[in-house]
Amino acid sequence: MASLQLSSHFLGTNTTKHNSISISHNYSQTPFTRLFSRKKFMSCSMSMNGCEGDFKTPLGTIETRTMAAVLSPTAATERLISAVSELKSQPPPFSSGVVRIQVPIDQQIGAIDWLQSQNEIHLRCFFSRRSDVGRPDLLLDLASDNGNGRGSSDRELVSVAGIGSAVFFRDLDPFSHDDWRSIRRFLSSSSPLIRAYGGMRFDPNGKISVEWEPFGAFYFAVPQVEFNEFGGSSMLAATLAWDDELSWTLEDAIEALEETMLQVSSVVMRLRRESLGVSVLSKNHVPTKGAYYPAVEKALEIIKQKSSSLSKVVLARNSRIITDTDIDPIAWLAQLQSEGHDAYQFCLQPPGAPAFIGNTPERLFQRNQLGVCSEALAATRPRSASTARDMEIERDLLTSPKDDLEFSIVRENIREKLNSICDKVVVKPQKTVRKLARVQHLYSQLAGRLRREDDEFDILAALHPTPAVCGLPAEEARLLIKEIESFDRGMYAGPIGFFGGKESEFAVGIRSALVEKGLGALIYAGTGIVAGSNPTSEWNELDLKISQFTKSIEYEATTTTLQTIN
């Protein structure tokens, strides 16, 4: 289990439950800094931190109640408000529990459009699965090999948007097995859509900068109000969680949920913009080009040393853009979604905090019962509008020794890590090119069968961080990153996704940005440095990777289209 020991620097391995440490989000603001006072940070003013509960004690009940389908979000909202009110007269007879009430809607409505219509005072989260059309489903292959089919209903869930938190999970200490058990306490395979959405820092042991403080070392939440988008239909759901031992009773949970429900907008606006309507006043990179080149040369010198075991390190950059008006993170994410069918879209925004958004092509892992799949994604080339030229670029990528080395390091490392927790690992294909809207990468999919369904924490410990976002060996790369990089990555390149009772899925938080009111945004990107890397090429690759973010704010506003959904 060497790979698990290696990853212990990135996920906590303590078995003693720690107390949650909290920070206030009250601050004063300057053009480039925010000063956070060290008072209690209530990640949700009306909720409870599940990490403070006794993870060894099962909840009294975990249940989902499905109501009759309706025709519109307005009808669904009214029905939920009524159902929540009825809980007062017929409360579940338990001192702890989770109850999800869901109302199907007989039309497909974009979850991101629903989220765009909600106010910003609550936690906001969004997670959209990518389309894997045309790629082999190795999880399905594994299930067939073992004579087990697997249901497809949950896999039809396209995207999820949530506001508020029925229960949240946050701490400044690294995510530990105890924290995982605390989250799992609120989940059940019999209620597969009760899920905890969130993410973790790339390096939880690193110093947390002010812009990332509200997120802690990790932040997950089961949304209070949730909008599910399926292929052909939708669903509005309300969830309440309580635990008398945490001084958060069922009455408290009902009162908090009723307050949130009264603020839910049932008028959904389909909003798509060709521009965000903002102008960039300035753009600054950390590191600068003058500092980045020596950093790459230093990494190459270490890689070449015979005494060094380092074969790859990923060096990142953040780009601070200051705009004339605030950027709407949900509208920005909607733009990314319009060209990102082959990628995950996500948003995580604690109350009063910046919004972390992304359009990442890279899956960390997906678990469905005992099946788990991951993938290797490395090496980058641009796309071309010319089919012939695009094929030339693809052939160059497939035959490049430098890119083959970078990709092989990633693929073989993931294969080794999966072998440590799985009985069987399948790799298909060994190497191919995956084309995205603006770039193309070398790609391979890997899948295995877990020895135990409860090995989910070990999946994270084994796979995060991948060589694609850190390097190899991971600990040597991490130490070099800590020495060279002068900014906090935060959740950039960390696991972003959800834990569920039946299924969990995490993407790698790359192609991402932190959007701050009054401060524009920080856009993150990184490149893998291996023997043969060239500083100029790597810098150009950074520009290419952030282009999907910058293209929409480098021009004046054009048109905005609104369509009301009743």
Protein backbone atom coordinates (compact mmCIF):
# COMPACT_ATOMS: atom_id res chain seq x y z
CA MET A 1 0.00 0.00 0.00
CA ALA A 2 2.90 2.32 -0.72
CA SER A 3 0.75 4.63 -2.78
CA LEU A 4 -1.59 5.19 0.16
CA GLN A 5 1.31 6.07 2.42
CA LEU A 6 2.63 8.43 -0.23
CA SER A 7 -0.70 10.23 -0.41
CA SER A 8 -1.04 10.63 3.36
CA HIS A 9 0.41 14.14 3.01
CA PHE A 10 -2.65 15.15 1.00
CA LEU A 11 -5.41 13.46 3.00
CA GLY A 12 -5.47 13.20 6.78
CA THR A 13 -4.81 9.78 8.27
CA ASN A 14 -5.70 10.52 11.89
CA THR A 15 -8.26 8.28 13.56
CA THR A 16 -8.95 10.57 16.52
CA LYS A 17 -11.87 12.90 15.94
CA HIS A 18 -10.75 16.53 16.01
CA ASN A 19 -12.79 19.58 16.88
CA SER A 20 -13.85 21.81 14.04
CA ILE A 21 -12.01 25.12 13.79
CA SER A 22 -13.92 28.01 12.30
CA ILE A 23 -13.11 31.42 10.85
CA SER A 24 -15.29 34.47 10.35
CA HIS A 25 -15.93 35.85 6.88
CA ASN A 26 -16.30 39.43 8.15
CA TYR A 27 -13.57 41.42 6.46
CA SER A 28 -12.37 44.76 5.27
CA GLN A 29 -11.47 45.08 1.62
CA THR A 30 -8.55 46.55 -0.30
CA PRO A 31 -7.92 46.19 -4.04
CA PHE A 32 -5.91 43.00 -3.61
CA THR A 33 -6.47 41.66 -0.08
CA ARG A 34 -9.18 40.71 2.34
CA LEU A 35 -8.53 40.63 6.04
CA PHE A 36 -10.55 37.93 7.75
CA SER A 37 -11.09 38.21 11.52
CA ARG A 38 -10.38 35.01 13.43
CA LYS A 39 -13.86 34.58 14.84
CA LYS A 40 -16.25 31.71 14.40
CA PHE A 41 -17.00 31.18 10.70
CA MET A 42 -20.55 29.94 10.35
CA SER A 43 -20.51 28.23 6.97
CA CYS A 44 -24.25 28.45 7.04
CA SER A 45 -26.07 30.71 9.49
CA MET A 46 -28.82 28.09 9.89
CA SER A 47 -27.32 24.61 9.71
CA MET A 48 -24.99 22.23 11.52
CA ASN A 49 -21.46 20.99 10.94
CA GLY A 50 -21.67 17.22 10.56
CA CYS A 51 -17.98 16.85 11.37
CA GLU A 52 -18.78 17.70 14.98
CA GLY A 53 -21.16 14.74 15.37
CA ASP A 54 -20.43 11.18 16.50
CA PHE A 55 -19.76 9.35 13.24
CA LYS A 56 -19.96 6.01 15.09
CA THR A 57 -23.65 6.54 15.90
CA PRO A 58 -26.03 5.82 12.99
CA LEU A 59 -28.78 8.33 12.26
CA GLY A 60 -32.30 7.41 13.29
CA THR A 61 -33.59 7.62 9.73
CA ILE A 62 -32.46 8.42 6.19
CA GLU A 63 -35.39 8.56 3.83
CA THR A 64 -36.65 10.00 0.54
CA ARG A 65 -40.29 10.91 -0.01
CA THR A 66 -41.38 11.30 -3.62
CA MET A 67 -44.52 13.30 -4.40
CA ALA A 68 -46.67 13.30 -7.54
CA ALA A 69 -45.15 14.91 -10.61
CA VAL A 70 -46.10 18.47 -11.57
CA LEU A 71 -45.79 20.55 -14.72
CA SER A 72 -43.71 23.53 -13.58
CA PRO A 73 -41.14 24.78 -11.03
CA THR A 74 -43.82 27.04 -9.57
CA ALA A 75 -46.10 24.09 -8.79
CA ALA A 76 -43.14 22.11 -7.42
CA THR A 77 -42.16 24.96 -5.09
CA GLU A 78 -45.70 25.28 -3.75
CA ARG A 79 -45.99 21.53 -3.17
CA LEU A 80 -42.66 21.42 -1.32
CA ILE A 81 -43.60 24.33 0.94
CA SER A 82 -46.81 22.49 1.84
CA ALA A 83 -45.00 19.18 2.45
CA VAL A 84 -42.40 20.79 4.71
CA SER A 85 -45.19 22.44 6.72
CA GLU A 86 -46.92 19.06 7.16
CA LEU A 87 -43.77 17.67 8.81
CA LYS A 88 -44.60 19.82 11.82
CA SER A 89 -47.80 17.89 12.47
CA GLN A 90 -46.34 14.49 11.60
CA PRO A 91 -42.64 14.64 12.59
CA PRO A 92 -40.42 11.56 12.22
CA PRO A 93 -39.98 10.02 15.71
CA PHE A 94 -36.17 10.14 15.72
CA SER A 95 -33.57 12.26 17.51
CA SER A 96 -31.46 12.39 14.34
CA GLY A 97 -32.02 11.88 10.66
CA VAL A 98 -32.19 13.12 7.07
CA VAL A 99 -35.41 13.48 5.08
CA ARG A 100 -35.48 14.42 1.42
CA ILE A 101 -38.80 15.44 -0.15
CA GLN A 102 -38.74 15.53 -3.96
CA VAL A 103 -41.21 16.64 -6.60
CA PRO A 104 -40.66 15.49 -10.22
CA ILE A 105 -41.28 18.09 -12.96
CA ASP A 106 -42.48 16.94 -16.37
CA GLN A 107 -40.11 19.07 -18.40
CA GLN A 108 -36.33 19.31 -18.68
CA ILE A 109 -35.08 22.58 -17.20
CA GLY A 110 -31.42 23.50 -16.89
CA ALA A 111 -30.23 23.30 -13.29
CA ILE A 112 -27.85 26.18 -13.96
CA ASP A 113 -30.77 28.33 -15.16
CA TRP A 114 -32.61 27.62 -11.91
CA LEU A 115 -29.50 28.52 -9.89
CA GLN A 116 -29.08 31.76 -11.83
CA SER A 117 -32.52 32.82 -10.60
CA GLN A 118 -31.72 32.33 -6.89
CA ASN A 119 -30.29 34.91 -4.49
CA GLU A 120 -26.72 34.75 -3.19
CA ILE A 121 -27.22 34.79 0.58
CA HIS A 122 -27.08 31.01 0.92
CA LEU A 123 -24.46 28.47 0.02
CA ARG A 124 -24.56 27.81 -3.72
CA CYS A 125 -23.28 24.68 -5.42
CA PHE A 126 -23.47 23.22 -8.89
CA PHE A 127 -22.18 20.01 -10.44
CA SER A 128 -22.72 18.93 -14.03
CA ARG A 129 -21.57 15.61 -15.39
CA ARG A 130 -19.71 15.51 -18.67
CA SER A 131 -20.83 13.61 -21.71
CA ASP A 132 -18.88 10.39 -22.27
CA VAL A 133 -20.51 9.54 -25.59
CA GLY A 134 -18.08 7.62 -27.79
CA ARG A 135 -15.86 6.39 -24.96
CA PRO A 136 -15.97 2.85 -23.53
CA ASP A 137 -17.92 2.44 -20.28
CA LEU A 138 -15.46 0.29 -18.37
CA LEU A 139 -17.67 0.25 -15.27
CA LEU A 140 -20.42 -1.36 -17.33
CA ASP A 141 -17.90 -3.83 -18.75
CA LEU A 142 -16.78 -4.80 -15.24
CA ALA A 143 -20.39 -5.26 -14.11
CA SER A 144 -21.08 -7.48 -17.15
CA ASP A 145 -17.96 -9.57 -16.47
CA ASN A 146 -19.26 -10.27 -12.98
CA GLY A 147 -22.79 -11.04 -14.14
CA ASN A 148 -24.22 -7.93 -12.47
CA GLY A 149 -26.19 -5.27 -14.24
CA ARG A 150 -26.31 -1.80 -12.80
CA GLY A 151 -29.18 0.61 -12.78
CA SER A 152 -29.09 3.55 -15.17
CA SER A 153 -31.63 5.86 -13.50
CA ASP A 154 -29.07 7.68 -11.37
CA ARG A 155 -26.71 7.96 -14.33
CA GLU A 156 -29.35 9.93 -16.23
CA LEU A 157 -28.85 12.83 -13.80
CA VAL A 158 -27.34 15.56 -15.96
CA SER A 159 -26.64 18.32 -13.45
CA VAL A 160 -27.47 19.44 -9.91
CA ALA A 161 -27.82 22.92 -8.41
CA GLY A 162 -28.27 23.57 -4.72
CA ILE A 163 -28.75 26.43 -2.27
CA GLY A 164 -28.39 26.37 1.51
CA SER A 165 -27.11 23.42 3.51
CA ALA A 166 -29.17 20.88 5.39
CA VAL A 167 -25.83 19.82 6.87
CA PHE A 168 -22.31 20.94 5.97
CA PHE A 169 -18.87 19.48 6.62
CA ARG A 170 -15.87 21.78 7.04
CA ASP A 171 -12.60 21.88 8.95
CA LEU A 172 -9.17 23.46 8.74
CA ASP A 173 -7.48 20.11 9.35
CA PRO A 174 -6.89 17.81 6.35
CA PHE A 175 -9.78 15.60 5.27
CA SER A 176 -9.50 12.42 7.33
CA HIS A 177 -11.11 9.00 7.46
CA ASP A 178 -13.18 10.27 10.40
CA ASP A 179 -14.48 13.15 8.26
CA TRP A 180 -15.37 10.70 5.51
CA ARG A 181 -17.28 8.59 8.03
CA SER A 182 -19.06 11.72 9.28
CA ILE A 183 -20.29 12.41 5.74
CA ARG A 184 -21.23 8.77 5.10
CA ARG A 185 -23.33 8.86 8.27
CA PHE A 186 -25.81 11.11 6.44
CA LEU A 187 -25.94 8.99 3.26
CA SER A 188 -27.69 5.75 2.29
CA SER A 189 -27.87 3.54 -0.80
CA SER A 190 -31.66 3.51 -0.36
CA SER A 191 -31.69 7.32 -0.89
CA PRO A 192 -29.15 7.70 -3.71
CA LEU A 193 -29.92 11.36 -4.47
CA ILE A 194 -29.05 12.51 -0.95
CA ARG A 195 -25.50 13.59 -1.70
CA ALA A 196 -22.81 15.80 -0.20
CA TYR A 197 -21.33 18.15 -2.84
CA GLY A 198 -18.04 19.99 -2.38
CA GLY A 199 -14.30 19.73 -2.65
CA MET A 200 -10.88 19.67 -1.00
CA ARG A 201 -7.71 21.68 -1.19
CA PHE A 202 -4.88 20.53 -3.44
CA ASP A 203 -2.49 20.58 -0.47
CA PRO A 204 -4.43 20.72 2.83
CA ASN A 205 -1.20 21.01 4.80
CA GLY A 206 -0.21 24.26 3.09
CA LYS A 207 -0.92 27.68 4.55
CA ILE A 208 -4.43 28.86 3.65
CA SER A 209 -4.48 32.29 2.03
CA VAL A 210 -7.25 34.76 2.88
CA GLU A 211 -9.26 34.23 -0.30
CA TRP A 212 -9.51 30.49 0.42
CA GLU A 213 -10.21 30.65 4.17
CA PRO A 214 -14.01 30.24 3.98
CA PHE A 215 -13.52 26.87 2.24
CA GLY A 216 -11.30 25.42 4.97
CA ALA A 217 -9.25 22.34 4.12
CA PHE A 218 -12.44 20.84 2.70
CA TYR A 219 -16.06 21.91 2.32
CA PHE A 220 -19.04 19.65 1.57
CA ALA A 221 -22.77 20.23 1.96
CA VAL A 222 -26.05 18.40 1.48
CA PRO A 223 -28.14 21.19 -0.10
CA GLN A 224 -31.29 22.41 1.63
CA VAL A 225 -33.04 23.05 -1.68
CA GLU A 226 -31.86 21.25 -4.78
CA PHE A 227 -32.76 21.29 -8.46
CA ASN A 228 -32.00 18.11 -10.43
CA GLU A 229 -31.84 18.12 -14.23
CA PHE A 230 -32.42 14.76 -15.90
CA GLY A 231 -32.52 13.81 -19.55
CA GLY A 232 -36.10 14.80 -20.41
CA SER A 233 -37.32 15.85 -16.95
CA SER A 234 -36.39 17.73 -13.78
CA MET A 235 -36.91 17.57 -10.04
CA LEU A 236 -37.11 20.05 -7.16
CA ALA A 237 -36.17 18.68 -3.75
CA ALA A 238 -35.93 19.93 -0.16
CA THR A 239 -33.76 18.19 2.43
CA LEU A 240 -33.61 18.63 6.17
CA ALA A 241 -31.13 17.05 8.57
CA TRP A 242 -31.07 17.15 12.35
CA ASP A 243 -29.18 15.70 15.31
CA ASP A 244 -30.25 16.49 18.87
CA GLU A 245 -26.72 15.72 20.07
CA LEU A 246 -25.48 18.67 18.00
CA SER A 247 -28.19 20.94 19.44
CA TRP A 248 -29.85 21.07 16.03
CA THR A 249 -33.32 19.62 16.42
CA LEU A 250 -35.92 18.64 13.85
CA GLU A 251 -37.81 21.83 14.75
CA ASP A 252 -34.67 23.88 14.04
CA ALA A 253 -34.20 22.12 10.69
CA ILE A 254 -37.83 22.65 9.64
CA GLU A 255 -37.74 26.33 10.58
CA ALA A 256 -34.49 26.89 8.66
CA LEU A 257 -35.79 25.02 5.60
CA GLU A 258 -39.06 26.96 5.60
CA GLU A 259 -37.13 30.24 5.64
CA THR A 260 -35.03 29.11 2.68
CA MET A 261 -38.04 27.80 0.74
CA LEU A 262 -39.78 31.17 1.07
CA GLN A 263 -36.79 32.76 -0.70
CA VAL A 264 -36.70 30.27 -3.58
CA SER A 265 -37.53 31.82 -6.93
CA SER A 266 -39.75 29.57 -9.01
CA VAL A 267 -39.42 31.83 -12.06
CA VAL A 268 -36.51 30.34 -13.99
CA MET A 269 -34.75 32.43 -16.64
CA ARG A 270 -32.85 30.76 -19.44
CA LEU A 271 -29.87 33.03 -19.75
CA ARG A 272 -27.10 32.70 -22.30
CA ARG A 273 -24.70 35.54 -23.07
CA GLU A 274 -22.15 35.93 -25.77
CA SER A 275 -20.34 38.26 -23.36
CA LEU A 276 -20.49 38.88 -19.63
CA GLY A 277 -20.73 42.61 -20.19
CA VAL A 278 -17.55 43.41 -18.26
CA SER A 279 -14.26 44.95 -19.33
CA VAL A 280 -10.84 43.90 -18.06
CA LEU A 281 -8.99 46.78 -16.42
CA SER A 282 -5.82 44.81 -15.67
CA LYS A 283 -4.33 41.33 -15.81
CA ASN A 284 -1.40 40.17 -13.68
CA HIS A 285 0.24 36.74 -13.52
CA VAL A 286 1.79 35.04 -10.49
CA PRO A 287 4.47 34.09 -11.27
CA THR A 288 5.33 36.62 -13.94
CA LYS A 289 6.84 35.42 -17.17
CA GLY A 290 10.23 36.56 -15.92
CA ALA A 291 9.90 34.43 -12.79
CA TYR A 292 8.27 31.43 -14.48
CA TYR A 293 11.13 30.69 -16.88
CA PRO A 294 13.75 30.27 -14.09
CA ALA A 295 11.25 28.10 -12.15
CA VAL A 296 10.94 25.73 -15.12
CA GLU A 297 14.73 25.66 -15.56
CA LYS A 298 15.17 24.87 -11.87
CA ALA A 299 12.68 22.00 -12.10
CA LEU A 300 14.45 20.63 -15.20
CA GLU A 301 17.81 20.73 -13.42
CA ILE A 302 16.41 18.69 -10.54
CA ILE A 303 14.77 16.19 -12.92
CA LYS A 304 18.11 15.70 -14.72
CA GLN A 305 20.07 15.02 -11.52
CA LYS A 306 20.96 11.35 -11.11
CA SER A 307 20.42 11.63 -7.38
CA SER A 308 16.84 12.88 -7.85
CA SER A 309 13.84 10.56 -8.16
CA LEU A 310 11.71 13.39 -9.59
CA SER A 311 10.48 12.65 -13.13
CA LYS A 312 7.69 15.23 -13.40
CA VAL A 313 6.42 18.30 -11.57
CA VAL A 314 3.39 20.43 -12.40
CA LEU A 315 3.99 24.17 -12.05
CA ALA A 316 0.91 26.38 -11.89
CA ARG A 317 0.10 30.04 -12.40
CA ASN A 318 -2.72 32.24 -11.22
CA SER A 319 -3.86 35.18 -13.31
CA ARG A 320 -5.60 38.03 -11.49
CA ILE A 321 -8.03 39.91 -13.69
CA ILE A 322 -9.59 43.13 -12.42
CA THR A 323 -12.84 44.11 -14.17
CA ASP A 324 -14.89 47.30 -14.26
CA THR A 325 -17.92 45.52 -12.77
CA ASP A 326 -18.36 42.33 -10.78
CA ILE A 327 -18.37 39.07 -12.72
CA ASP A 328 -21.45 36.92 -12.23
CA PRO A 329 -19.94 33.46 -11.53
CA ILE A 330 -23.08 31.55 -12.56
CA ALA A 331 -23.38 33.44 -15.86
CA TRP A 332 -19.67 32.80 -16.46
CA LEU A 333 -20.17 29.12 -15.72
CA ALA A 334 -23.13 29.02 -18.13
CA GLN A 335 -20.83 30.29 -20.87
CA LEU A 336 -18.28 27.60 -20.08
CA GLN A 337 -21.04 25.00 -20.14
CA SER A 338 -22.07 26.02 -23.66
CA GLU A 339 -18.74 24.75 -25.02
CA GLY A 340 -17.99 22.18 -22.33
CA HIS A 341 -20.17 19.15 -23.10
CA ASP A 342 -17.02 17.04 -22.82
CA ALA A 343 -16.17 18.44 -19.39
CA TYR A 344 -17.49 18.73 -15.85
CA GLN A 345 -18.81 22.11 -14.72
CA PHE A 346 -18.85 22.98 -11.04
CA CYS A 347 -19.45 25.82 -8.63
CA LEU A 348 -18.87 25.91 -4.88
CA GLN A 349 -19.64 29.11 -2.99
CA PRO A 350 -19.98 29.19 0.80
CA PRO A 351 -22.13 32.05 2.16
CA GLY A 352 -20.37 35.42 1.81
CA ALA A 353 -17.37 33.78 0.13
CA PRO A 354 -15.87 33.84 -3.39
CA ALA A 355 -17.25 31.35 -5.91
CA PHE A 356 -14.94 28.58 -7.12
CA ILE A 357 -16.05 27.63 -10.64
CA GLY A 358 -14.57 25.36 -13.25
CA ASN A 359 -14.92 23.55 -16.56
CA THR A 360 -12.63 20.56 -16.10
CA PRO A 361 -12.21 17.71 -18.57
CA GLU A 362 -10.50 15.42 -16.05
CA ARG A 363 -12.20 12.77 -13.93
CA LEU A 364 -10.49 11.77 -10.70
CA PHE A 365 -12.76 8.79 -10.13
CA GLN A 366 -16.32 7.54 -10.35
CA ARG A 367 -17.56 4.83 -8.01
CA ASN A 368 -20.73 2.82 -8.59
CA GLN A 369 -21.05 0.25 -5.83
CA LEU A 370 -17.87 -1.87 -6.18
CA GLY A 371 -16.87 -0.54 -9.58
CA VAL A 372 -14.43 2.38 -9.78
CA CYS A 373 -12.97 4.10 -12.83
CA SER A 374 -10.37 6.81 -13.34
CA GLU A 375 -8.41 8.14 -16.29
CA ALA A 376 -5.07 9.43 -17.43
CA LEU A 377 -5.08 12.82 -19.16
CA ALA A 378 -1.82 14.59 -20.00
CA ALA A 379 0.07 16.51 -22.69
CA THR A 380 -1.62 19.39 -24.51
CA ARG A 381 -1.95 20.67 -28.05
CA PRO A 382 -4.27 23.33 -29.52
CA ARG A 383 -7.18 22.53 -31.83
CA SER A 384 -7.40 23.86 -35.40
CA ALA A 385 -10.41 24.95 -37.43
CA SER A 386 -8.89 23.08 -40.37
CA THR A 387 -9.60 19.33 -40.23
CA ALA A 388 -6.37 18.52 -42.00
CA ARG A 389 -4.30 20.73 -39.69
CA ASP A 390 -6.10 19.33 -36.62
CA MET A 391 -5.11 15.81 -37.70
CA GLU A 392 -1.49 16.94 -38.16
CA ILE A 393 -1.50 18.28 -34.60
CA GLU A 394 -3.00 15.00 -33.37
CA ARG A 395 -0.30 12.94 -35.10
CA ASP A 396 2.39 15.19 -33.64
CA LEU A 397 0.92 14.67 -30.17
CA LEU A 398 0.75 10.88 -30.60
CA THR A 399 4.34 10.59 -31.83
CA SER A 400 6.05 13.10 -29.52
CA PRO A 401 8.54 11.32 -27.19
CA LYS A 402 8.32 14.12 -24.62
CA ASP A 403 4.51 13.97 -24.49
CA ASP A 404 4.52 10.17 -24.45
CA LEU A 405 6.80 10.29 -21.41
CA GLU A 406 4.56 12.77 -19.62
CA PHE A 407 1.44 10.73 -20.40
CA SER A 408 2.97 7.33 -19.56
CA ILE A 409 4.02 8.63 -16.14
CA VAL A 410 0.42 9.57 -15.39
CA ARG A 411 -1.19 6.39 -16.75
CA GLU A 412 1.16 3.93 -15.06
CA ASN A 413 0.96 5.74 -11.74
CA ILE A 414 -2.84 5.58 -11.74
CA ARG A 415 -2.72 1.91 -12.74
CA GLU A 416 -0.40 1.18 -9.81
CA LYS A 417 -2.67 3.08 -7.39
CA LEU A 418 -5.81 1.28 -8.57
CA ASN A 419 -4.02 -2.06 -8.21
CA SER A 420 -3.48 -1.23 -4.53
CA ILE A 421 -7.25 -1.09 -3.84
CA CYS A 422 -8.78 -3.25 -6.61
CA ASP A 423 -8.81 -6.95 -7.49
CA LYS A 424 -8.85 -6.27 -11.21
CA VAL A 425 -7.74 -3.28 -13.28
CA VAL A 426 -8.58 -2.75 -16.96
CA VAL A 427 -6.91 -0.13 -19.20
CA LYS A 428 -8.68 0.83 -22.43
CA PRO A 429 -7.29 2.25 -24.63
CA GLN A 430 -3.59 2.33 -23.79
CA LYS A 431 -3.23 5.73 -25.48
CA THR A 432 -5.45 7.85 -27.69
CA VAL A 433 -6.19 11.54 -28.29
CA ARG A 434 -9.10 13.21 -26.57
CA LYS A 435 -10.30 16.34 -28.35
CA LEU A 436 -11.92 19.20 -26.46
CA ALA A 437 -13.24 22.50 -27.81
CA ARG A 438 -9.91 24.34 -27.62
CA VAL A 439 -7.28 21.72 -26.80
CA GLN A 440 -6.50 18.04 -27.26
CA HIS A 441 -4.77 15.67 -24.85
CA LEU A 442 -3.40 12.15 -24.66
CA TYR A 443 -5.97 9.99 -22.87
CA SER A 444 -6.61 6.56 -21.40
CA GLN A 445 -9.37 5.15 -19.18
CA LEU A 446 -8.72 2.78 -16.26
CA ALA A 447 -11.24 0.83 -14.18
CA GLY A 448 -11.17 -1.72 -11.39
CA ARG A 449 -13.30 -3.63 -8.93
CA LEU A 450 -12.93 -2.55 -5.31
CA ARG A 451 -12.27 -5.18 -2.71
CA ARG A 452 -14.78 -3.48 -0.39
CA GLU A 453 -17.44 -0.84 -1.02
CA ASP A 454 -16.22 1.03 2.06
CA ASP A 455 -12.81 1.58 0.45
CA GLU A 456 -13.99 4.93 -0.93
CA PHE A 457 -11.69 6.95 1.33
CA ASP A 458 -8.81 4.82 0.08
CA ILE A 459 -9.74 5.74 -3.49
CA LEU A 460 -9.18 9.41 -2.66
CA ALA A 461 -6.02 8.66 -0.72
CA ALA A 462 -4.68 6.58 -3.59
CA LEU A 463 -5.60 8.79 -6.54
CA HIS A 464 -5.21 12.35 -5.24
CA PRO A 465 -3.10 14.06 -6.35
CA THR A 466 -2.57 12.59 -9.79
CA PRO A 467 0.76 13.11 -11.57
CA ALA A 468 -1.22 15.25 -14.04
CA VAL A 469 -1.66 18.02 -11.43
CA CYS A 470 1.25 17.38 -9.03
CA GLY A 471 4.05 15.26 -10.44
CA LEU A 472 5.92 12.07 -9.63
CA PRO A 473 6.87 11.01 -7.03
CA ALA A 474 4.04 12.97 -5.45
CA GLU A 475 5.79 13.97 -2.24
CA GLU A 476 8.94 15.18 -3.99
CA ALA A 477 6.80 17.12 -6.46
CA ARG A 478 4.69 18.61 -3.67
CA LEU A 479 7.76 19.86 -1.81
CA LEU A 480 9.14 21.46 -4.97
CA ILE A 481 5.78 23.08 -5.73
CA LYS A 482 5.68 24.45 -2.18
CA GLU A 483 9.19 25.86 -2.63
CA ILE A 484 8.67 27.36 -6.10
CA GLU A 485 5.05 28.56 -6.18
CA SER A 486 4.40 31.82 -4.33
CA PHE A 487 0.59 31.54 -4.21
CA ASP A 488 -1.98 29.26 -2.60
CA ARG A 489 -3.60 26.84 -5.04
CA GLY A 490 -6.54 26.37 -2.69
CA MET A 491 -8.99 23.94 -4.29
CA TYR A 492 -7.42 24.36 -7.72
CA ALA A 493 -6.29 20.86 -8.79
CA GLY A 494 -8.10 19.35 -5.79
CA PRO A 495 -10.97 16.81 -5.85
CA ILE A 496 -14.35 18.41 -6.68
CA GLY A 497 -17.56 16.38 -6.74
CA PHE A 498 -19.93 14.47 -4.50
CA PHE A 499 -20.22 11.58 -2.08
CA GLY A 500 -23.38 9.48 -2.38
CA GLY A 501 -24.73 6.38 -0.69
CA LYS A 502 -24.74 4.37 -3.91
CA GLU A 503 -22.46 6.33 -6.20
CA SER A 504 -19.74 8.98 -5.86
CA GLU A 505 -17.93 10.99 -8.51
CA PHE A 506 -15.05 13.47 -8.39
CA ALA A 507 -13.42 15.59 -11.03
CA VAL A 508 -10.03 17.27 -10.78
CA GLY A 509 -10.51 20.99 -10.14
CA ILE A 510 -8.46 22.31 -13.07
CA ARG A 511 -9.53 24.86 -15.75
CA SER A 512 -10.94 26.81 -12.83
CA ALA A 513 -11.28 30.29 -11.35
CA LEU A 514 -12.05 31.94 -8.02
CA VAL A 515 -14.53 34.79 -8.54
CA GLU A 516 -14.47 37.52 -5.87
CA LYS A 517 -16.82 40.47 -5.55
CA GLY A 518 -14.98 43.72 -6.08
CA LEU A 519 -11.78 41.88 -6.95
CA GLY A 520 -12.43 40.32 -10.34
CA ALA A 521 -11.16 36.75 -10.49
CA LEU A 522 -8.14 34.51 -10.09
CA ILE A 523 -7.81 32.10 -13.03
CA TYR A 524 -5.65 29.00 -12.48
CA ALA A 525 -3.70 26.80 -14.89
CA GLY A 526 -0.71 24.47 -14.73
CA THR A 527 1.66 22.54 -17.00
CA GLY A 528 3.64 19.35 -16.51
CA ILE A 529 7.41 19.76 -16.55
CA VAL A 530 9.38 16.69 -17.67
CA ALA A 531 12.69 16.13 -19.39
CA GLY A 532 12.48 17.96 -22.72
CA SER A 533 10.09 20.68 -21.53
CA ASN A 534 10.63 24.17 -22.91
CA PRO A 535 9.78 27.26 -20.77
CA THR A 536 8.34 29.20 -23.72
CA SER A 537 6.11 26.33 -24.81
CA GLU A 538 4.93 25.78 -21.25
CA TRP A 539 4.07 29.48 -20.81
CA ASN A 540 2.11 29.44 -24.07
CA GLU A 541 0.27 26.34 -22.85
CA LEU A 542 -0.81 28.23 -19.72
CA ASP A 543 -2.28 30.98 -21.91
CA LEU A 544 -4.07 28.37 -24.02
CA LYS A 545 -5.61 26.70 -20.98
CA ILE A 546 -7.09 29.91 -19.54
CA SER A 547 -8.37 31.12 -22.93
CA GLN A 548 -11.81 29.61 -22.38
CA PHE A 549 -12.20 31.94 -19.38
CA THR A 550 -10.66 35.08 -20.84
CA LYS A 551 -12.35 34.98 -24.25
CA SER A 552 -15.72 36.00 -22.82
CA ILE A 553 -14.48 39.04 -20.90
CA GLU A 554 -12.04 40.54 -23.37
CA TYR A 555 -14.79 42.07 -25.47
CA GLU A 556 -17.68 44.43 -24.86
CA ALA A 557 -21.13 43.02 -24.13
CA THR A 558 -23.13 41.95 -27.15
CA THR A 559 -26.51 40.32 -26.69
CA THR A 560 -28.36 38.74 -23.82
CA THR A 561 -31.22 36.30 -24.31
CA LEU A 562 -33.82 35.67 -21.61
CA GLN A 563 -36.64 33.18 -21.71
CA THR A 564 -39.04 32.71 -18.81
CA ILE A 565 -39.92 29.18 -17.71
CA ASN A 566 -43.21 29.09 -15.85
